């Protein structure tokens, strides 16, 4: 069963933390072969000092948790549309040649047909 975990990394001399997702096991993608992390481009205060900073941290963590839940549901449904940007750049015939030729003559003749 796939797991999606929220992780934090210190940035800006330790005053801010960046939020990213970790996929376990890694997701296998066409271009990069495996995707283990997804950066969310969300930042929170490492040690909030004011009431506004605390509220902002809570709001951003709720957004991050919502994104984590969406990614988990997409993985369970085998919907990898969030990786679609990398897939759009791949040539279909090249992909079919790399992955289809090992299956036999039927795949080769269908590739030649295309």
PDB file of N, CA and C in Angstrom:
ATOM      1  N   UNK A   1       0.839  -1.179   0.000  1.00  0.00           N
ATOM      2  CA  UNK A   1       0.000   0.000   0.000  1.00  0.00           C
ATOM      3  C   UNK A   1       0.883   1.240   0.000  1.00  0.00           C
ATOM      4  N   UNK A   2       0.629   2.189  -0.891  1.00  0.00           N
ATOM      5  CA  UNK A   2       1.470   3.389  -0.948  1.00  0.00           C
ATOM      6  C   UNK A   2       1.249   4.289   0.270  1.00  0.00           C
ATOM      7  N   UNK A   3       2.304   5.004   0.619  1.00  0.00           N
ATOM      8  CA  UNK A   3       2.221   5.979   1.700  1.00  0.00           C
ATOM      9  C   UNK A   3       2.680   7.324   1.176  1.00  0.00           C
ATOM     10  N   UNK A   4       2.011   8.368   1.604  1.00  0.00           N
ATOM     11  CA  UNK A   4       2.387   9.740   1.272  1.00  0.00           C
ATOM     12  C   UNK A   4       2.582  10.461   2.600  1.00  0.00           C
ATOM     13  N   UNK A   5       3.785  10.987   2.799  1.00  0.00           N
ATOM     14  CA  UNK A   5       4.153  11.566   4.082  1.00  0.00           C
ATOM     15  C   UNK A   5       4.529  13.033   3.888  1.00  0.00           C
ATOM     16  N   UNK A   6       4.038  13.906   4.766  1.00  0.00           N
ATOM     17  CA  UNK A   6       4.457  15.315   4.778  1.00  0.00           C
ATOM     18  C   UNK A   6       5.804  15.419   5.474  1.00  0.00           C
ATOM     19  N   UNK A   7       6.738  16.092   4.834  1.00  0.00           N
ATOM     20  CA  UNK A   7       8.059  16.288   5.420  1.00  0.00           C
ATOM     21  C   UNK A   7       8.380  17.777   5.422  1.00  0.00           C
ATOM     22  N   UNK A   8       9.268  18.168   6.319  1.00  0.00           N
ATOM     23  CA  UNK A   8       9.671  19.558   6.464  1.00  0.00           C
ATOM     24  C   UNK A   8      11.188  19.656   6.338  1.00  0.00           C
ATOM     25  N   UNK A   9      11.647  20.735   5.705  1.00  0.00           N
ATOM     26  CA  UNK A   9      13.083  20.976   5.566  1.00  0.00           C
ATOM     27  C   UNK A   9      13.352  22.433   5.919  1.00  0.00           C
ATOM     28  N   UNK A  10      14.355  22.671   6.745  1.00  0.00           N
ATOM     29  CA  UNK A  10      14.703  24.036   7.151  1.00  0.00           C
ATOM     30  C   UNK A  10      15.306  24.804   5.984  1.00  0.00           C
ATOM     31  N   UNK A  11      14.858  26.045   5.832  1.00  0.00           N
ATOM     32  CA  UNK A  11      15.401  26.941   4.812  1.00  0.00           C
ATOM     33  C   UNK A  11      15.571  28.321   5.428  1.00  0.00           C
ATOM     34  N   UNK A  12      16.221  29.214   4.723  1.00  0.00           N
ATOM     35  CA  UNK A  12      16.391  30.613   5.142  1.00  0.00           C
ATOM     36  C   UNK A  12      17.004  30.710   6.535  1.00  0.00           C
ATOM     37  N   UNK A  13      18.151  30.071   6.696  1.00  0.00           N
ATOM     38  CA  UNK A  13      18.897  30.114   7.957  1.00  0.00           C
ATOM     39  C   UNK A  13      18.084  29.620   9.147  1.00  0.00           C
ATOM     40  N   UNK A  14      17.180  28.698   8.922  1.00  0.00           N
ATOM     41  CA  UNK A  14      16.422  28.094   9.997  1.00  0.00           C
ATOM     42  C   UNK A  14      15.202  28.864  10.449  1.00  0.00           C
ATOM     43  N   UNK A  15      14.877  29.983   9.803  1.00  0.00           N
ATOM     44  CA  UNK A  15      13.703  30.749  10.211  1.00  0.00           C
ATOM     45  C   UNK A  15      12.427  30.225   9.561  1.00  0.00           C
ATOM     46  N   UNK A  16      12.542  29.554   8.420  1.00  0.00           N
ATOM     47  CA  UNK A  16      11.385  29.020   7.703  1.00  0.00           C
ATOM     48  C   UNK A  16      11.596  27.536   7.443  1.00  0.00           C
ATOM     49  N   UNK A  17      10.494  26.847   7.180  1.00  0.00           N
ATOM     50  CA  UNK A  17      10.535  25.434   6.811  1.00  0.00           C
ATOM     51  C   UNK A  17       9.755  25.252   5.519  1.00  0.00           C
ATOM     52  N   UNK A  18      10.317  24.481   4.614  1.00  0.00           N
ATOM     53  CA  UNK A  18       9.654  24.149   3.363  1.00  0.00           C
ATOM     54  C   UNK A  18       8.928  22.820   3.539  1.00  0.00           C
ATOM     55  N   UNK A  19       7.758  22.692   2.931  1.00  0.00           N
ATOM     56  CA  UNK A  19       6.955  21.476   3.050  1.00  0.00           C
ATOM     57  C   UNK A  19       7.022  20.723   1.729  1.00  0.00           C
ATOM     58  N   UNK A  20       7.261  19.422   1.810  1.00  0.00           N
ATOM     59  CA  UNK A  20       7.264  18.588   0.621  1.00  0.00           C
ATOM     60  C   UNK A  20       6.645  17.236   0.958  1.00  0.00           C
ATOM     61  N   UNK A  21       6.310  16.473  -0.076  1.00  0.00           N
ATOM     62  CA  UNK A  21       5.724  15.148   0.091  1.00  0.00           C
ATOM     63  C   UNK A  21       6.758  14.080  -0.211  1.00  0.00           C
ATOM     64  N   UNK A  22       6.717  12.995   0.546  1.00  0.00           N
ATOM     65  CA  UNK A  22       7.570  11.843   0.274  1.00  0.00           C
ATOM     66  C   UNK A  22       6.670  10.664  -0.073  1.00  0.00           C
ATOM     67  N   UNK A  23       6.965  10.013  -1.196  1.00  0.00           N
ATOM     68  CA  UNK A  23       6.203   8.844  -1.624  1.00  0.00           C
ATOM     69  C   UNK A  23       6.989   7.595  -1.267  1.00  0.00           C
ATOM     70  N   UNK A  24       6.322   6.671  -0.616  1.00  0.00           N
ATOM     71  CA  UNK A  24       6.974   5.426  -0.245  1.00  0.00           C
ATOM     72  C   UNK A  24       6.041   4.274  -0.572  1.00  0.00           C
ATOM     73  N   UNK A  25       6.330   3.400  -1.470  1.00  0.00           N
ATOM     74  CA  UNK A  25       7.511   3.285  -2.313  1.00  0.00           C
ATOM     75  C   UNK A  25       7.516   4.364  -3.382  1.00  0.00           C
ATOM     76  N   UNK A  26       8.701   4.647  -3.960  1.00  0.00           N
ATOM     77  CA  UNK A  26       8.787   5.697  -4.984  1.00  0.00           C
ATOM     78  C   UNK A  26       7.894   5.375  -6.180  1.00  0.00           C
ATOM     79  N   UNK A  27       7.410   6.437  -6.829  1.00  0.00           N
ATOM     80  CA  UNK A  27       6.558   6.293  -8.004  1.00  0.00           C
ATOM     81  C   UNK A  27       7.466   6.210  -9.221  1.00  0.00           C
ATOM     82  N   UNK A  28       7.242   5.221 -10.068  1.00  0.00           N
ATOM     83  CA  UNK A  28       8.047   5.079 -11.278  1.00  0.00           C
ATOM     84  C   UNK A  28       7.434   5.911 -12.381  1.00  0.00           C
ATOM     85  N   UNK A  29       8.248   6.801 -12.932  1.00  0.00           N
ATOM     86  CA  UNK A  29       7.816   7.742 -13.950  1.00  0.00           C
ATOM     87  C   UNK A  29       8.571   7.455 -15.243  1.00  0.00           C
ATOM     88  N   UNK A  30       8.024   7.927 -16.361  1.00  0.00           N
ATOM     89  CA  UNK A  30       8.614   7.665 -17.667  1.00  0.00           C
ATOM     90  C   UNK A  30       9.984   8.326 -17.800  1.00  0.00           C
ATOM     91  N   UNK A  31      10.092   9.609 -17.455  1.00  0.00           N
ATOM     92  CA  UNK A  31      11.340  10.334 -17.672  1.00  0.00           C
ATOM     93  C   UNK A  31      12.384  10.071 -16.595  1.00  0.00           C
ATOM     94  N   UNK A  32      12.017  10.294 -15.357  1.00  0.00           N
ATOM     95  CA  UNK A  32      13.004  10.244 -14.288  1.00  0.00           C
ATOM     96  C   UNK A  32      13.117   8.868 -13.635  1.00  0.00           C
ATOM     97  N   UNK A  33      12.363   7.917 -14.118  1.00  0.00           N
ATOM     98  CA  UNK A  33      12.384   6.521 -13.653  1.00  0.00           C
ATOM     99  C   UNK A  33      11.790   6.337 -12.263  1.00  0.00           C
ATOM    100  N   UNK A  34      12.027   7.237 -11.315  1.00  0.00           N
ATOM    101  CA  UNK A  34      11.364   7.132 -10.025  1.00  0.00           C
ATOM    102  C   UNK A  34      11.255   8.515  -9.389  1.00  0.00           C
ATOM    103  N   UNK A  35      10.085   8.766  -8.822  1.00  0.00           N
ATOM    104  CA  UNK A  35       9.825  10.031  -8.146  1.00  0.00           C
ATOM    105  C   UNK A  35       9.598   9.708  -6.683  1.00  0.00           C
ATOM    106  N   UNK A  36      10.435  10.247  -5.821  1.00  0.00           N
ATOM    107  CA  UNK A  36      10.306   9.982  -4.400  1.00  0.00           C
ATOM    108  C   UNK A  36       9.761  11.194  -3.650  1.00  0.00           C
ATOM    109  N   UNK A  37      10.030  12.409  -4.157  1.00  0.00           N
ATOM    110  CA  UNK A  37       9.611  13.618  -3.466  1.00  0.00           C
ATOM    111  C   UNK A  37       8.855  14.538  -4.414  1.00  0.00           C
ATOM    112  N   UNK A  38       7.931  15.315  -3.849  1.00  0.00           N
ATOM    113  CA  UNK A  38       7.257  16.373  -4.591  1.00  0.00           C
ATOM    114  C   UNK A  38       7.290  17.637  -3.734  1.00  0.00           C
ATOM    115  N   UNK A  39       7.897  18.672  -4.251  1.00  0.00           N
ATOM    116  CA  UNK A  39       7.957  19.948  -3.540  1.00  0.00           C
ATOM    117  C   UNK A  39       6.621  20.664  -3.704  1.00  0.00           C
ATOM    118  N   UNK A  40       6.059  21.137  -2.618  1.00  0.00           N
ATOM    119  CA  UNK A  40       4.766  21.807  -2.646  1.00  0.00           C
ATOM    120  C   UNK A  40       4.882  23.318  -2.758  1.00  0.00           C
ATOM    121  N   UNK A  41       6.087  23.863  -2.634  1.00  0.00           N
ATOM    122  CA  UNK A  41       6.315  25.306  -2.661  1.00  0.00           C
ATOM    123  C   UNK A  41       5.502  26.019  -1.585  1.00  0.00           C
ATOM    124  N   UNK A  42       5.395  25.393  -0.434  1.00  0.00           N
ATOM    125  CA  UNK A  42       4.733  25.984   0.728  1.00  0.00           C
ATOM    126  C   UNK A  42       5.768  26.157   1.836  1.00  0.00           C
ATOM    127  N   UNK A  43       5.692  27.266   2.536  1.00  0.00           N
ATOM    128  CA  UNK A  43       6.639  27.539   3.614  1.00  0.00           C
ATOM    129  C   UNK A  43       5.898  27.959   4.874  1.00  0.00           C
ATOM    130  N   UNK A  44       6.421  27.512   6.014  1.00  0.00           N
ATOM    131  CA  UNK A  44       5.874  27.908   7.306  1.00  0.00           C
ATOM    132  C   UNK A  44       7.009  28.463   8.158  1.00  0.00           C
ATOM    133  N   UNK A  45       6.646  29.171   9.220  1.00  0.00           N
ATOM    134  CA  UNK A  45       7.633  29.696  10.153  1.00  0.00           C
ATOM    135  C   UNK A  45       8.134  28.565  11.034  1.00  0.00           C
ATOM    136  N   UNK A  46       9.451  28.503  11.233  1.00  0.00           N
ATOM    137  CA  UNK A  46      10.036  27.455  12.066  1.00  0.00           C
ATOM    138  C   UNK A  46       9.646  27.631  13.530  1.00  0.00           C
ATOM    139  N   UNK A  47       9.694  28.866  14.004  1.00  0.00           N
ATOM    140  CA  UNK A  47       9.269  29.154  15.378  1.00  0.00           C
ATOM    141  C   UNK A  47       8.422  30.426  15.337  1.00  0.00           C
ATOM    142  N   UNK A  48       7.099  30.267  15.173  1.00  0.00           N
ATOM    143  CA  UNK A  48       6.235  31.441  15.067  1.00  0.00           C
ATOM    144  C   UNK A  48       6.231  32.247  16.365  1.00  0.00           C
ATOM    145  N   UNK A  49       6.297  33.563  16.200  1.00  0.00           N
ATOM    146  CA  UNK A  49       6.385  34.438  17.360  1.00  0.00           C
ATOM    147  C   UNK A  49       5.086  35.196  17.627  1.00  0.00           C
ATOM    148  N   UNK A  50       4.309  35.464  16.598  1.00  0.00           N
ATOM    149  CA  UNK A  50       3.077  36.223  16.781  1.00  0.00           C
ATOM    150  C   UNK A  50       1.871  35.330  16.507  1.00  0.00           C
ATOM    151  N   UNK A  51       0.716  35.840  16.876  1.00  0.00           N
ATOM    152  CA  UNK A  51      -0.528  35.108  16.663  1.00  0.00           C
ATOM    153  C   UNK A  51      -0.812  34.940  15.169  1.00  0.00           C
ATOM    154  N   UNK A  52      -0.471  35.935  14.381  1.00  0.00           N
ATOM    155  CA  UNK A  52      -0.681  35.850  12.932  1.00  0.00           C
ATOM    156  C   UNK A  52       0.179  34.763  12.309  1.00  0.00           C
ATOM    157  N   UNK A  53       1.412  34.654  12.748  1.00  0.00           N
ATOM    158  CA  UNK A  53       2.290  33.615  12.217  1.00  0.00           C
ATOM    159  C   UNK A  53       1.780  32.219  12.568  1.00  0.00           C
ATOM    160  N   UNK A  54       1.239  32.071  13.771  1.00  0.00           N
ATOM    161  CA  UNK A  54       0.678  30.783  14.177  1.00  0.00           C
ATOM    162  C   UNK A  54      -0.526  30.437  13.316  1.00  0.00           C
ATOM    163  N   UNK A  55      -1.402  31.421  13.080  1.00  0.00           N
ATOM    164  CA  UNK A  55      -2.576  31.188  12.230  1.00  0.00           C
ATOM    165  C   UNK A  55      -2.161  30.858  10.800  1.00  0.00           C
ATOM    166  N   UNK A  56      -1.147  31.562  10.301  1.00  0.00           N
ATOM    167  CA  UNK A  56      -0.675  31.302   8.945  1.00  0.00           C
ATOM    168  C   UNK A  56      -0.092  29.885   8.847  1.00  0.00           C
ATOM    169  N   UNK A  57       0.672  29.467   9.856  1.00  0.00           N
ATOM    170  CA  UNK A  57       1.216  28.109   9.861  1.00  0.00           C
ATOM    171  C   UNK A  57       0.104  27.063   9.834  1.00  0.00           C
ATOM    172  N   UNK A  58      -0.942  27.273  10.637  1.00  0.00           N
ATOM    173  CA  UNK A  58      -2.058  26.321  10.670  1.00  0.00           C
ATOM    174  C   UNK A  58      -2.762  26.250   9.321  1.00  0.00           C
ATOM    175  N   UNK A  59      -2.981  27.413   8.690  1.00  0.00           N
ATOM    176  CA  UNK A  59      -3.652  27.438   7.389  1.00  0.00           C
ATOM    177  C   UNK A  59      -2.820  26.735   6.325  1.00  0.00           C
ATOM    178  N   UNK A  60      -1.528  26.978   6.312  1.00  0.00           N
ATOM    179  CA  UNK A  60      -0.664  26.344   5.312  1.00  0.00           C
ATOM    180  C   UNK A  60      -0.558  24.850   5.561  1.00  0.00           C
ATOM    181  N   UNK A  61      -0.504  24.432   6.813  1.00  0.00           N
ATOM    182  CA  UNK A  61      -0.452  23.000   7.110  1.00  0.00           C
ATOM    183  C   UNK A  61      -1.752  22.303   6.719  1.00  0.00           C
ATOM    184  N   UNK A  62      -2.884  22.988   6.836  1.00  0.00           N
ATOM    185  CA  UNK A  62      -4.151  22.413   6.364  1.00  0.00           C
ATOM    186  C   UNK A  62      -4.146  22.229   4.851  1.00  0.00           C
ATOM    187  N   UNK A  63      -3.601  23.215   4.138  1.00  0.00           N
ATOM    188  CA  UNK A  63      -3.489  23.102   2.677  1.00  0.00           C
ATOM    189  C   UNK A  63      -2.573  21.935   2.308  1.00  0.00           C
ATOM    190  N   UNK A  64      -1.450  21.827   2.994  1.00  0.00           N
ATOM    191  CA  UNK A  64      -0.504  20.740   2.727  1.00  0.00           C
ATOM    192  C   UNK A  64      -1.139  19.376   3.020  1.00  0.00           C
ATOM    193  N   UNK A  65      -1.898  19.281   4.087  1.00  0.00           N
ATOM    194  CA  UNK A  65      -2.566  18.023   4.424  1.00  0.00           C
ATOM    195  C   UNK A  65      -3.619  17.677   3.376  1.00  0.00           C
ATOM    196  N   UNK A  66      -4.319  18.667   2.855  1.00  0.00           N
ATOM    197  CA  UNK A  66      -5.300  18.438   1.795  1.00  0.00           C
ATOM    198  C   UNK A  66      -4.618  17.906   0.539  1.00  0.00           C
ATOM    199  N   UNK A  67      -3.490  18.505   0.184  1.00  0.00           N
ATOM    200  CA  UNK A  67      -2.744  18.035  -0.989  1.00  0.00           C
ATOM    201  C   UNK A  67      -2.238  16.615  -0.759  1.00  0.00           C
ATOM    202  N   UNK A  68      -1.771  16.325   0.456  1.00  0.00           N
ATOM    203  CA  UNK A  68      -1.293  14.972   0.776  1.00  0.00           C
ATOM    204  C   UNK A  68      -2.403  13.949   0.610  1.00  0.00           C
ATOM    205  N   UNK A  69      -3.591  14.275   1.087  1.00  0.00           N
ATOM    206  CA  UNK A  69      -4.736  13.368   0.956  1.00  0.00           C
ATOM    207  C   UNK A  69      -5.118  13.153  -0.503  1.00  0.00           C
ATOM    208  N   UNK A  70      -5.088  14.225  -1.295  1.00  0.00           N
ATOM    209  CA  UNK A  70      -5.396  14.096  -2.723  1.00  0.00           C
ATOM    210  C   UNK A  70      -4.396  13.191  -3.422  1.00  0.00           C
ATOM    211  N   UNK A  71      -3.101  13.368  -3.133  1.00  0.00           N
ATOM    212  CA  UNK A  71      -2.072  12.530  -3.749  1.00  0.00           C
ATOM    213  C   UNK A  71      -2.239  11.068  -3.332  1.00  0.00           C
ATOM    214  N   UNK A  72      -2.588  10.845  -2.079  1.00  0.00           N
ATOM    215  CA  UNK A  72      -2.794   9.475  -1.613  1.00  0.00           C
ATOM    216  C   UNK A  72      -3.950   8.825  -2.364  1.00  0.00           C
ATOM    217  N   UNK A  73      -5.058   9.550  -2.506  1.00  0.00           N
ATOM    218  CA  UNK A  73      -6.199   9.003  -3.248  1.00  0.00           C
ATOM    219  C   UNK A  73      -5.849   8.745  -4.705  1.00  0.00           C
ATOM    220  N   UNK A  74      -5.052   9.643  -5.304  1.00  0.00           N
ATOM    221  CA  UNK A  74      -4.638   9.435  -6.684  1.00  0.00           C
ATOM    222  C   UNK A  74      -3.766   8.188  -6.812  1.00  0.00           C
ATOM    223  N   UNK A  75      -2.899   7.945  -5.841  1.00  0.00           N
ATOM    224  CA  UNK A  75      -2.060   6.751  -5.887  1.00  0.00           C
ATOM    225  C   UNK A  75      -2.882   5.483  -5.713  1.00  0.00           C
ATOM    226  N   UNK A  76      -3.860   5.525  -4.836  1.00  0.00           N
ATOM    227  CA  UNK A  76      -4.701   4.353  -4.606  1.00  0.00           C
ATOM    228  C   UNK A  76      -5.502   4.024  -5.863  1.00  0.00           C
ATOM    229  N   UNK A  77      -5.970   5.071  -6.571  1.00  0.00           N
ATOM    230  CA  UNK A  77      -6.738   4.862  -7.805  1.00  0.00           C
ATOM    231  C   UNK A  77      -5.839   4.669  -9.015  1.00  0.00           C
ATOM    232  N   UNK A  78      -4.523   4.679  -8.819  1.00  0.00           N
ATOM    233  CA  UNK A  78      -3.536   4.587  -9.906  1.00  0.00           C
ATOM    234  C   UNK A  78      -3.706   5.707 -10.917  1.00  0.00           C
ATOM    235  N   UNK A  79      -4.031   6.884 -10.430  1.00  0.00           N
ATOM    236  CA  UNK A  79      -4.175   8.074 -11.265  1.00  0.00           C
ATOM    237  C   UNK A  79      -2.934   8.936 -11.050  1.00  0.00           C
ATOM    238  N   UNK A  80      -2.009   8.881 -11.996  1.00  0.00           N
ATOM    239  CA  UNK A  80      -0.757   9.613 -11.872  1.00  0.00           C
ATOM    240  C   UNK A  80      -0.781  10.895 -12.689  1.00  0.00           C
ATOM    241  N   UNK A  81      -1.915  11.565 -12.720  1.00  0.00           N
ATOM    242  CA  UNK A  81      -2.046  12.774 -13.532  1.00  0.00           C
ATOM    243  C   UNK A  81      -1.171  13.916 -13.012  1.00  0.00           C
ATOM    244  N   UNK A  82      -0.776  13.889 -11.746  1.00  0.00           N
ATOM    245  CA  UNK A  82       0.087  14.942 -11.244  1.00  0.00           C
ATOM    246  C   UNK A  82       1.503  14.822 -11.797  1.00  0.00           C
ATOM    247  N   UNK A  83       1.820  13.708 -12.448  1.00  0.00           N
ATOM    248  CA  UNK A  83       3.099  13.554 -13.130  1.00  0.00           C
ATOM    249  C   UNK A  83       2.958  13.758 -14.635  1.00  0.00           C
ATOM    250  N   UNK A  84       1.823  14.253 -15.081  1.00  0.00           N
ATOM    251  CA  UNK A  84       1.515  14.335 -16.506  1.00  0.00           C
ATOM    252  C   UNK A  84       2.440  15.280 -17.262  1.00  0.00           C
ATOM    253  N   UNK A  85       3.013  16.257 -16.609  1.00  0.00           N
ATOM    254  CA  UNK A  85       3.895  17.188 -17.313  1.00  0.00           C
ATOM    255  C   UNK A  85       5.070  16.455 -17.938  1.00  0.00           C
ATOM    256  N   UNK A  86       5.651  15.532 -17.225  1.00  0.00           N
ATOM    257  CA  UNK A  86       6.781  14.780 -17.770  1.00  0.00           C
ATOM    258  C   UNK A  86       6.323  13.823 -18.864  1.00  0.00           C
ATOM    259  N   UNK A  87       5.131  13.303 -18.746  1.00  0.00           N
ATOM    260  CA  UNK A  87       4.640  12.348 -19.732  1.00  0.00           C
ATOM    261  C   UNK A  87       4.281  12.993 -21.057  1.00  0.00           C
ATOM    262  N   UNK A  88       3.933  14.269 -21.051  1.00  0.00           N
ATOM    263  CA  UNK A  88       3.542  14.935 -22.283  1.00  0.00           C
ATOM    264  C   UNK A  88       4.717  15.130 -23.235  1.00  0.00           C
ATOM    265  N   UNK A  89       5.928  15.141 -22.718  1.00  0.00           N
ATOM    266  CA  UNK A  89       7.103  15.362 -23.548  1.00  0.00           C
ATOM    267  C   UNK A  89       7.624  14.087 -24.205  1.00  0.00           C
ATOM    268  N   UNK A  90       7.073  12.934 -23.877  1.00  0.00           N
ATOM    269  CA  UNK A  90       7.580  11.657 -24.368  1.00  0.00           C
ATOM    270  C   UNK A  90       6.930  11.323 -25.706  1.00  0.00           C
ATOM    271  N   UNK A  91       7.752  10.864 -26.641  1.00  0.00           N
ATOM    272  CA  UNK A  91       7.260  10.431 -27.940  1.00  0.00           C
ATOM    273  C   UNK A  91       6.650   9.042 -27.797  1.00  0.00           C
ATOM    274  N   UNK A  92       5.409   8.891 -28.237  1.00  0.00           N
ATOM    275  CA  UNK A  92       4.706   7.625 -28.063  1.00  0.00           C
ATOM    276  C   UNK A  92       5.401   6.486 -28.798  1.00  0.00           C
ATOM    277  N   UNK A  93       5.802   6.707 -30.038  1.00  0.00           N
ATOM    278  CA  UNK A  93       6.435   5.641 -30.820  1.00  0.00           C
ATOM    279  C   UNK A  93       7.773   5.224 -30.217  1.00  0.00           C
ATOM    280  N   UNK A  94       8.516   6.193 -29.679  1.00  0.00           N
ATOM    281  CA  UNK A  94       9.782   5.859 -29.027  1.00  0.00           C
ATOM    282  C   UNK A  94       9.529   5.020 -27.767  1.00  0.00           C
ATOM    283  N   UNK A  95       8.538   5.422 -26.997  1.00  0.00           N
ATOM    284  CA  UNK A  95       8.175   4.651 -25.800  1.00  0.00           C
ATOM    285  C   UNK A  95       7.716   3.244 -26.178  1.00  0.00           C
ATOM    286  N   UNK A  96       6.913   3.156 -27.231  1.00  0.00           N
ATOM    287  CA  UNK A  96       6.405   1.863 -27.689  1.00  0.00           C
ATOM    288  C   UNK A  96       7.553   0.992 -28.194  1.00  0.00           C
ATOM    289  N   UNK A  97       8.542   1.589 -28.851  1.00  0.00           N
ATOM    290  CA  UNK A  97       9.692   0.832 -29.346  1.00  0.00           C
ATOM    291  C   UNK A  97      10.520   0.293 -28.190  1.00  0.00           C
ATOM    292  N   UNK A  98      10.761   1.139 -27.178  1.00  0.00           N
ATOM    293  CA  UNK A  98      11.577   0.721 -26.037  1.00  0.00           C
ATOM    294  C   UNK A  98      10.904  -0.376 -25.221  1.00  0.00           C
ATOM    295  N   UNK A  99       9.593  -0.281 -25.029  1.00  0.00           N
ATOM    296  CA  UNK A  99       8.904  -1.213 -24.138  1.00  0.00           C
ATOM    297  C   UNK A  99       8.168  -2.328 -24.857  1.00  0.00           C
ATOM    298  N   UNK A 100       8.012  -2.236 -26.161  1.00  0.00           N
ATOM    299  CA  UNK A 100       7.225  -3.233 -26.867  1.00  0.00           C
ATOM    300  C   UNK A 100       8.016  -4.272 -27.614  1.00  0.00           C
ATOM    301  N   UNK A 101       9.233  -3.948 -28.025  1.00  0.00           N
ATOM    302  CA  UNK A 101      10.002  -4.875 -28.854  1.00  0.00           C
ATOM    303  C   UNK A 101      10.346  -6.164 -28.126  1.00  0.00           C
ATOM    304  N   UNK A 102      10.435  -6.125 -26.837  1.00  0.00           N
ATOM    305  CA  UNK A 102      10.794  -7.340 -26.091  1.00  0.00           C
ATOM    306  C   UNK A 102       9.628  -8.326 -25.999  1.00  0.00           C
ATOM    307  N   UNK A 103       8.423  -7.916 -26.394  1.00  0.00           N
ATOM    308  CA  UNK A 103       7.255  -8.786 -26.274  1.00  0.00           C
ATOM    309  C   UNK A 103       7.020  -9.673 -27.490  1.00  0.00           C
ATOM    310  N   UNK A 104       7.694  -9.401 -28.578  1.00  0.00           N
ATOM    311  CA  UNK A 104       7.565 -10.303 -29.720  1.00  0.00           C
ATOM    312  C   UNK A 104       7.188  -9.616 -31.003  1.00  0.00           C
ATOM    313  N   UNK A 105       6.857 -10.442 -31.979  1.00  0.00           N
ATOM    314  CA  UNK A 105       6.621  -9.984 -33.343  1.00  0.00           C
ATOM    315  C   UNK A 105       5.349  -9.159 -33.442  1.00  0.00           C
ATOM    316  N   UNK A 106       4.314  -9.468 -32.680  1.00  0.00           N
ATOM    317  CA  UNK A 106       3.056  -8.724 -32.766  1.00  0.00           C
ATOM    318  C   UNK A 106       3.250  -7.255 -32.398  1.00  0.00           C
ATOM    319  N   UNK A 107       4.027  -7.000 -31.352  1.00  0.00           N
ATOM    320  CA  UNK A 107       4.288  -5.622 -30.953  1.00  0.00           C
ATOM    321  C   UNK A 107       5.109  -4.892 -32.012  1.00  0.00           C
ATOM    322  N   UNK A 108       6.092  -5.583 -32.586  1.00  0.00           N
ATOM    323  CA  UNK A 108       6.925  -4.956 -33.616  1.00  0.00           C
ATOM    324  C   UNK A 108       6.105  -4.605 -34.852  1.00  0.00           C
ATOM    325  N   UNK A 109       5.224  -5.505 -35.271  1.00  0.00           N
ATOM    326  CA  UNK A 109       4.425  -5.218 -36.455  1.00  0.00           C
ATOM    327  C   UNK A 109       3.402  -4.113 -36.176  1.00  0.00           C
ATOM    328  N   UNK A 110       2.863  -4.047 -34.968  1.00  0.00           N
ATOM    329  CA  UNK A 110       1.925  -2.965 -34.659  1.00  0.00           C
ATOM    330  C   UNK A 110       2.647  -1.626 -34.609  1.00  0.00           C
ATOM    331  N   UNK A 111       3.908  -1.600 -34.132  1.00  0.00           N
ATOM    332  CA  UNK A 111       4.701  -0.361 -34.134  1.00  0.00           C
ATOM    333  C   UNK A 111       4.977   0.079 -35.570  1.00  0.00           C
ATOM    334  N   UNK A 112       5.302  -0.875 -36.435  1.00  0.00           N
ATOM    335  CA  UNK A 112       5.532  -0.541 -37.840  1.00  0.00           C
ATOM    336  C   UNK A 112       4.262  -0.037 -38.502  1.00  0.00           C
ATOM    337  N   UNK A 113       3.114  -0.534 -38.054  1.00  0.00           N
ATOM    338  CA  UNK A 113       1.838  -0.063 -38.586  1.00  0.00           C
ATOM    339  C   UNK A 113       1.609   1.406 -38.247  1.00  0.00           C
ATOM    340  N   UNK A 114       1.961   1.792 -37.017  1.00  0.00           N
ATOM    341  CA  UNK A 114       1.801   3.193 -36.611  1.00  0.00           C
ATOM    342  C   UNK A 114       2.751   4.064 -37.385  1.00  0.00           C
TER     343      UNK A 114
END
